[in-house]
């Protein structure tokens, strides 16, 4: 994954103002730079009952059909009975909070470089918006050893090998399991892609906000790769998906260790548009510091993504909706154009 993101972002470096978060510990009110127009926290159609995001038991005998239907109709779903350790989820949350609780001058030691993909910093979508977001993040690809040594020179081992590296290993196994189920629904196989998928871990922090109605944790966006697996910690609401006909729909875990899965841009392309890539955003809270853990799963930089023409689409003549392109090319397009990237590759 380092090659996927590093190579693409290296060609689209960011200015320091779009990388360095403000010191959230020191602000008493939302500065003008982070002050958005009033955020609408409710569904746009409040007369209709807010729909429920699908909840899928991975031990269900018809799990392939359930996941395929959820990807096709929602682009997002929750999974339970995934076999992931609750203890490990708690440990990762604890270590993430430990990191974000550090003083700003300590976190800046591991600031993401202008063209880099790992380390501490603001969301990469920052340059596309006139206001800044109430968010700080830390991206890990593989071992975070070098960064952890900078943060905790004498106490870095537990953060690295005992927690973050183990979490990535377990997440990759779960992502691969989900991936095979999705491919089965699409009547494809891993051999069709001819590449091993890899992942990246994003720790997200949304500090308590003095004016949550005029600030936003993450502005509306889609994820770039195939899949995102999200753990929302401490059962604090904040994540919303844009559901057609209902506006912004909040999603809360059905249990402490339920995980949220959403379709990314490259899976939308691979499915030839059958699976929607969903816009989502994150709201902030006045009294609760929200932390989330996002695992992004996708192919290496030089992999070619070719839309699949499924036999499920055999009504008439089916043609690709998007041109084939490499992962690096798509990520570079999105780094320059954000959501307009699709229009540049659509037939």
Protein backbone atom coordinates (compact mmCIF):
# COMPACT_ATOMS: atom_id res chain seq x y z
CA UNK A 1 0.00 0.00 0.00
CA UNK A 2 2.93 2.31 0.61
CA UNK A 3 3.75 2.11 -3.09
CA UNK A 4 0.12 2.74 -4.03
CA UNK A 5 -0.24 5.93 -2.04
CA UNK A 6 3.33 7.14 -1.80
CA UNK A 7 3.89 7.10 -5.56
CA UNK A 8 0.62 8.86 -6.35
CA UNK A 9 0.85 11.48 -3.61
CA UNK A 10 4.49 12.21 -4.35
CA UNK A 11 3.34 13.71 -7.64
CA UNK A 12 0.68 15.84 -5.89
CA UNK A 13 2.36 17.38 -2.82
CA UNK A 14 0.33 19.44 -0.34
CA UNK A 15 1.17 22.79 1.25
CA UNK A 16 2.03 22.76 4.95
CA UNK A 17 -1.23 24.58 5.82
CA UNK A 18 -3.13 21.60 4.40
CA UNK A 19 -1.13 19.06 6.44
CA UNK A 20 -0.66 20.58 9.89
CA UNK A 21 -3.76 20.47 12.15
CA UNK A 22 -4.35 23.24 14.67
CA UNK A 23 -3.58 22.57 18.33
CA UNK A 24 -7.06 21.45 19.39
CA UNK A 25 -6.01 21.31 23.05
CA UNK A 26 -5.36 25.06 23.14
CA UNK A 27 -8.44 26.53 21.40
CA UNK A 28 -11.43 27.76 23.43
CA UNK A 29 -13.66 28.56 20.47
CA UNK A 30 -13.84 27.52 16.83
CA UNK A 31 -11.57 29.82 14.81
CA UNK A 32 -12.90 31.37 11.63
CA UNK A 33 -10.65 29.08 9.58
CA UNK A 34 -12.70 26.11 10.88
CA UNK A 35 -16.12 27.79 11.04
CA UNK A 36 -18.54 26.27 8.53
CA UNK A 37 -22.09 27.35 7.69
CA UNK A 38 -24.63 25.61 9.95
CA UNK A 39 -24.33 21.85 9.53
CA UNK A 40 -27.62 20.05 8.85
CA UNK A 41 -27.55 17.09 11.22
CA UNK A 42 -30.87 15.62 10.18
CA UNK A 43 -32.17 13.55 7.22
CA UNK A 44 -33.32 15.84 4.41
CA UNK A 45 -36.69 14.09 4.36
CA UNK A 46 -37.67 13.98 8.04
CA UNK A 47 -41.20 12.73 7.28
CA UNK A 48 -39.87 9.33 6.25
CA UNK A 49 -38.47 6.79 8.65
CA UNK A 50 -34.68 6.75 8.50
CA UNK A 51 -33.66 3.44 6.89
CA UNK A 52 -31.41 0.99 8.69
CA UNK A 53 -28.01 0.14 7.29
CA UNK A 54 -27.87 -3.64 6.62
CA UNK A 55 -26.44 -5.79 9.41
CA UNK A 56 -24.81 -8.99 8.17
CA UNK A 57 -23.85 -12.05 10.16
CA UNK A 58 -20.70 -13.44 8.54
CA UNK A 59 -21.73 -16.93 9.70
CA UNK A 60 -25.03 -16.77 7.79
CA UNK A 61 -25.37 -19.51 5.13
CA UNK A 62 -26.43 -16.94 2.50
CA UNK A 63 -23.73 -14.43 3.39
CA UNK A 64 -22.62 -14.00 -0.25
CA UNK A 65 -26.08 -12.87 -1.33
CA UNK A 66 -26.47 -10.66 1.75
CA UNK A 67 -23.18 -8.85 1.15
CA UNK A 68 -23.78 -8.52 -2.57
CA UNK A 69 -27.25 -7.05 -2.01
CA UNK A 70 -25.91 -4.62 0.61
CA UNK A 71 -23.10 -3.49 -1.70
CA UNK A 72 -25.57 -3.02 -4.56
CA UNK A 73 -28.36 -1.21 -2.69
CA UNK A 74 -26.43 0.68 -0.02
CA UNK A 75 -22.70 0.57 -0.62
CA UNK A 76 -22.30 0.21 3.16
CA UNK A 77 -23.18 -2.40 5.79
CA UNK A 78 -22.25 -3.64 9.24
CA UNK A 79 -20.80 -7.05 10.03
CA UNK A 80 -21.08 -9.11 13.20
CA UNK A 81 -19.64 -12.52 14.09
CA UNK A 82 -16.49 -11.56 12.22
CA UNK A 83 -14.19 -13.26 14.70
CA UNK A 84 -12.28 -10.08 15.50
CA UNK A 85 -11.08 -9.78 19.10
CA UNK A 86 -12.90 -7.18 21.22
CA UNK A 87 -9.78 -6.94 23.36
CA UNK A 88 -7.65 -5.98 20.34
CA UNK A 89 -10.22 -3.35 19.27
CA UNK A 90 -10.06 -1.85 22.76
CA UNK A 91 -6.26 -1.89 22.77
CA UNK A 92 -6.05 -0.09 19.43
CA UNK A 93 -8.51 2.56 20.62
CA UNK A 94 -6.49 3.03 23.80
CA UNK A 95 -3.25 3.46 21.86
CA UNK A 96 -4.89 5.84 19.38
CA UNK A 97 -6.12 8.01 22.26
CA UNK A 98 -2.65 7.85 23.79
CA UNK A 99 -1.20 9.23 20.55
CA UNK A 100 -3.72 12.02 20.05
CA UNK A 101 -3.44 13.10 23.71
CA UNK A 102 0.21 14.01 23.16
CA UNK A 103 1.12 17.74 23.06
CA UNK A 104 1.01 19.29 19.59
CA UNK A 105 4.76 19.93 19.59
CA UNK A 106 5.34 16.21 20.11
CA UNK A 107 2.90 15.05 17.40
CA UNK A 108 4.44 17.41 14.87
CA UNK A 109 7.67 15.40 15.07
CA UNK A 110 5.96 12.77 12.92
CA UNK A 111 4.11 15.17 10.61
CA UNK A 112 3.30 13.73 7.21
CA UNK A 113 5.61 15.05 4.52
CA UNK A 114 4.28 17.16 1.63
CA UNK A 115 4.19 14.21 -0.73
CA UNK A 116 4.00 11.49 1.89
CA UNK A 117 1.30 9.05 2.88
CA UNK A 118 2.15 8.09 6.47
CA UNK A 119 2.40 9.99 9.73
CA UNK A 120 0.41 12.67 11.54
CA UNK A 121 -1.65 15.28 9.73
CA UNK A 122 -4.93 16.68 8.47
CA UNK A 123 -7.18 14.84 6.02
CA UNK A 124 -5.86 14.72 2.46
CA UNK A 125 -9.15 16.18 1.15
CA UNK A 126 -8.44 19.44 3.03
CA UNK A 127 -7.33 21.52 -0.02
CA UNK A 128 -10.69 21.02 -1.74
CA UNK A 129 -12.63 22.97 0.88
CA UNK A 130 -12.54 26.63 1.89
CA UNK A 131 -12.75 25.78 5.59
CA UNK A 132 -10.64 23.39 7.65
CA UNK A 133 -11.98 20.29 9.39
CA UNK A 134 -12.14 19.46 13.10
CA UNK A 135 -9.93 16.43 12.65
CA UNK A 136 -6.44 15.06 13.07
CA UNK A 137 -5.20 11.75 11.77
CA UNK A 138 -2.31 9.32 11.83
CA UNK A 139 -1.70 6.96 8.89
CA UNK A 140 0.15 3.66 9.22
CA UNK A 141 1.30 1.34 6.43
CA UNK A 142 3.17 -1.66 7.73
CA UNK A 143 5.28 -0.98 10.79
CA UNK A 144 4.95 2.43 12.51
CA UNK A 145 8.29 1.82 14.24
CA UNK A 146 10.14 4.93 13.02
CA UNK A 147 7.30 7.27 13.93
CA UNK A 148 6.66 5.56 17.28
CA UNK A 149 10.32 5.95 18.24
CA UNK A 150 10.01 9.69 17.64
CA UNK A 151 6.90 9.90 19.81
CA UNK A 152 7.98 7.57 22.63
CA UNK A 153 11.77 7.04 22.46
CA UNK A 154 11.75 4.61 25.41
CA UNK A 155 8.25 3.17 25.20
CA UNK A 156 7.32 2.46 21.59
CA UNK A 157 7.29 -1.36 21.36
CA UNK A 158 3.77 -1.94 22.67
CA UNK A 159 2.27 0.62 20.26
CA UNK A 160 4.08 -1.01 17.32
CA UNK A 161 4.33 -4.78 17.34
CA UNK A 162 1.91 -5.58 20.18
CA UNK A 163 -0.98 -3.47 18.93
CA UNK A 164 -0.82 -1.71 15.54
CA UNK A 165 1.05 -4.38 13.60
CA UNK A 166 -1.14 -7.12 15.08
CA UNK A 167 -4.28 -5.11 14.31
CA UNK A 168 -3.23 -4.67 10.67
CA UNK A 169 -2.51 -8.38 10.37
CA UNK A 170 -5.95 -9.30 11.70
CA UNK A 171 -7.69 -6.62 9.62
CA UNK A 172 -5.99 -7.82 6.44
CA UNK A 173 -7.28 -11.34 7.09
CA UNK A 174 -10.83 -10.08 7.61
CA UNK A 175 -10.62 -7.81 4.56
CA UNK A 176 -9.49 -10.76 2.44
CA UNK A 177 -12.42 -12.85 3.71
CA UNK A 178 -14.88 -10.08 2.78
CA UNK A 179 -13.13 -9.60 -0.54
CA UNK A 180 -13.56 -13.25 -1.55
CA UNK A 181 -17.27 -13.06 -0.69
CA UNK A 182 -17.68 -9.95 -2.84
CA UNK A 183 -15.80 -11.52 -5.75
CA UNK A 184 -18.01 -14.59 -5.50
CA UNK A 185 -21.10 -12.40 -5.79
CA UNK A 186 -19.56 -10.65 -8.81
CA UNK A 187 -18.78 -14.07 -10.32
CA UNK A 188 -15.10 -13.20 -10.45
CA UNK A 189 -11.99 -14.57 -8.77
CA UNK A 190 -8.81 -13.25 -7.24
CA UNK A 191 -6.95 -14.56 -10.29
CA UNK A 192 -8.92 -12.10 -12.45
CA UNK A 193 -7.17 -9.25 -10.64
CA UNK A 194 -3.71 -10.81 -10.75
CA UNK A 195 -2.43 -8.92 -7.70
CA UNK A 196 -2.28 -9.32 -3.94
CA UNK A 197 -4.32 -6.73 -2.09
CA UNK A 198 -2.74 -4.74 0.73
CA UNK A 199 -3.94 -2.29 3.36
CA UNK A 200 -3.40 0.96 5.25
CA UNK A 201 -4.58 1.91 8.72
CA UNK A 202 -5.91 5.39 9.49
CA UNK A 203 -6.37 6.54 13.09
CA UNK A 204 -8.88 9.42 13.25
CA UNK A 205 -9.39 11.90 16.06
CA UNK A 206 -12.35 14.28 16.34
CA UNK A 207 -11.74 16.37 19.48
CA UNK A 208 -14.50 17.93 21.54
CA UNK A 209 -15.74 20.97 19.65
CA UNK A 210 -17.03 24.21 21.26
CA UNK A 211 -19.46 24.81 18.39
CA UNK A 212 -20.36 21.48 16.73
CA UNK A 213 -23.17 22.98 14.63
CA UNK A 214 -20.65 25.10 12.74
CA UNK A 215 -17.75 22.65 12.46
CA UNK A 216 -17.30 19.33 10.70
CA UNK A 217 -15.04 16.39 11.45
CA UNK A 218 -14.69 15.23 7.87
CA UNK A 219 -16.36 16.92 4.91
CA UNK A 220 -18.38 14.77 2.46
CA UNK A 221 -16.15 12.43 0.47
CA UNK A 222 -15.79 8.89 -0.84
CA UNK A 223 -12.97 6.44 -0.12
CA UNK A 224 -10.58 5.66 -2.95
CA UNK A 225 -9.72 1.97 -2.72
CA UNK A 226 -11.78 -1.24 -2.84
CA UNK A 227 -13.04 -1.51 0.74
CA UNK A 228 -12.93 0.37 4.02
CA UNK A 229 -13.41 -1.42 7.35
CA UNK A 230 -14.27 1.04 10.10
CA UNK A 231 -14.35 0.60 13.85
CA UNK A 232 -16.23 3.40 15.62
CA UNK A 233 -14.96 3.56 19.17
CA UNK A 234 -16.91 4.13 22.37
CA UNK A 235 -20.22 3.91 20.48
CA UNK A 236 -20.21 7.68 19.87
CA UNK A 237 -22.35 8.80 16.92
CA UNK A 238 -20.82 10.95 14.23
CA UNK A 239 -20.54 9.01 10.98
CA UNK A 240 -23.21 9.72 8.36
CA UNK A 241 -23.77 8.32 4.88
CA UNK A 242 -25.70 10.03 2.10
CA UNK A 243 -28.65 7.80 1.24
CA UNK A 244 -30.69 8.71 -1.82
CA UNK A 245 -34.18 9.81 -0.81
CA UNK A 246 -33.25 10.19 2.85
CA UNK A 247 -30.33 12.61 2.94
CA UNK A 248 -27.67 12.16 5.59
CA UNK A 249 -28.23 8.95 7.55
CA UNK A 250 -26.44 8.32 10.85
CA UNK A 251 -24.95 4.92 11.47
CA UNK A 252 -24.23 3.54 14.92
CA UNK A 253 -22.68 0.15 15.67
CA UNK A 254 -25.24 -2.47 16.67
CA UNK A 255 -22.74 -3.83 19.20
CA UNK A 256 -19.40 -2.79 20.69
CA UNK A 257 -17.42 -4.82 18.19
CA UNK A 258 -19.61 -4.48 15.08
CA UNK A 259 -17.59 -3.23 12.11
CA UNK A 260 -18.76 -0.94 9.30
CA UNK A 261 -17.82 -1.82 5.74
CA UNK A 262 -18.16 0.58 2.83
CA UNK A 263 -17.53 0.34 -0.90
CA UNK A 264 -14.70 2.47 -2.26
CA UNK A 265 -14.21 4.10 -5.66
CA UNK A 266 -12.11 1.31 -7.17
CA UNK A 267 -14.72 -1.33 -6.29
CA UNK A 268 -17.37 0.91 -7.88
CA UNK A 269 -15.26 0.88 -11.06
CA UNK A 270 -14.50 -2.85 -10.84
CA UNK A 271 -18.22 -3.66 -10.45
CA UNK A 272 -18.90 -1.52 -13.53
CA UNK A 273 -21.00 0.84 -11.44
CA UNK A 274 -23.14 -1.92 -9.89
CA UNK A 275 -21.88 -1.08 -6.39
CA UNK A 276 -22.23 2.60 -5.44
CA UNK A 277 -19.37 4.35 -3.71
CA UNK A 278 -21.10 6.29 -0.98
CA UNK A 279 -20.52 9.83 0.20
CA UNK A 280 -19.97 10.03 3.92
CA UNK A 281 -19.08 12.69 6.45
CA UNK A 282 -18.30 12.92 10.15
CA UNK A 283 -19.99 15.24 12.65
CA UNK A 284 -18.33 16.42 15.87
CA UNK A 285 -19.49 16.49 19.46
CA UNK A 286 -19.28 19.19 22.12
CA UNK A 287 -18.54 16.87 25.05
CA UNK A 288 -17.17 13.65 23.57
CA UNK A 289 -13.80 13.14 21.90
CA UNK A 290 -14.50 10.67 19.11
CA UNK A 291 -11.87 8.28 17.75
CA UNK A 292 -12.29 5.90 14.82
CA UNK A 293 -10.06 3.35 13.10
CA UNK A 294 -10.30 2.95 9.32
CA UNK A 295 -8.60 0.14 7.41
CA UNK A 296 -8.34 0.78 3.66
CA UNK A 297 -7.94 -2.28 1.42
CA UNK A 298 -6.90 -2.22 -2.20
CA UNK A 299 -4.39 -3.28 -4.87
CA UNK A 300 -0.81 -2.07 -5.48
CA UNK A 301 -0.03 1.00 -7.58
CA UNK A 302 0.67 -0.77 -10.85
CA UNK A 303 -2.48 -2.94 -10.74
CA UNK A 304 -4.91 -2.44 -13.61
CA UNK A 305 -8.56 -2.08 -12.58
CA UNK A 306 -10.83 -3.38 -15.35
CA UNK A 307 -14.64 -3.13 -15.04
CA UNK A 308 -16.21 -6.60 -14.76
CA UNK A 309 -19.04 -7.35 -17.17
CA UNK A 310 -21.15 -9.63 -14.98
CA UNK A 311 -23.60 -12.19 -16.30
CA UNK A 312 -26.03 -10.61 -13.84
CA UNK A 313 -26.17 -7.65 -16.24
CA UNK A 314 -27.14 -9.69 -19.31
CA UNK A 315 -30.14 -7.58 -20.32
CA UNK A 316 -29.16 -6.39 -23.77
CA UNK A 317 -25.60 -5.46 -24.67
CA UNK A 318 -23.49 -4.44 -21.69
CA UNK A 319 -20.49 -2.20 -22.15
CA UNK A 320 -18.00 -0.88 -19.60
CA UNK A 321 -19.10 2.35 -17.94
CA UNK A 322 -15.52 3.29 -17.08
CA UNK A 323 -12.22 2.87 -18.87
CA UNK A 324 -9.59 0.62 -17.38
CA UNK A 325 -6.82 2.36 -15.46
CA UNK A 326 -4.11 1.68 -12.93
CA UNK A 327 -4.54 2.33 -9.23
CA UNK A 328 -1.82 4.96 -9.34
CA UNK A 329 -3.56 6.79 -12.20
CA UNK A 330 -6.89 6.90 -10.38
CA UNK A 331 -5.43 8.06 -7.08
CA UNK A 332 -3.48 10.77 -8.91
CA UNK A 333 -6.67 11.91 -10.66
CA UNK A 334 -8.55 12.03 -7.37
CA UNK A 335 -5.71 13.89 -5.65
CA UNK A 336 -6.17 16.61 -8.28
CA UNK A 337 -9.93 16.54 -8.89
CA UNK A 338 -11.60 14.74 -5.92
CA UNK A 339 -15.15 13.64 -6.87
CA UNK A 340 -14.75 14.91 -10.44
CA UNK A 341 -12.29 12.05 -11.09
CA UNK A 342 -15.14 9.73 -12.12
CA UNK A 343 -16.24 12.06 -14.89
CA UNK A 344 -12.75 11.91 -16.38
CA UNK A 345 -12.81 8.13 -16.81
CA UNK A 346 -16.51 7.54 -17.57
CA UNK A 347 -17.50 6.48 -21.08
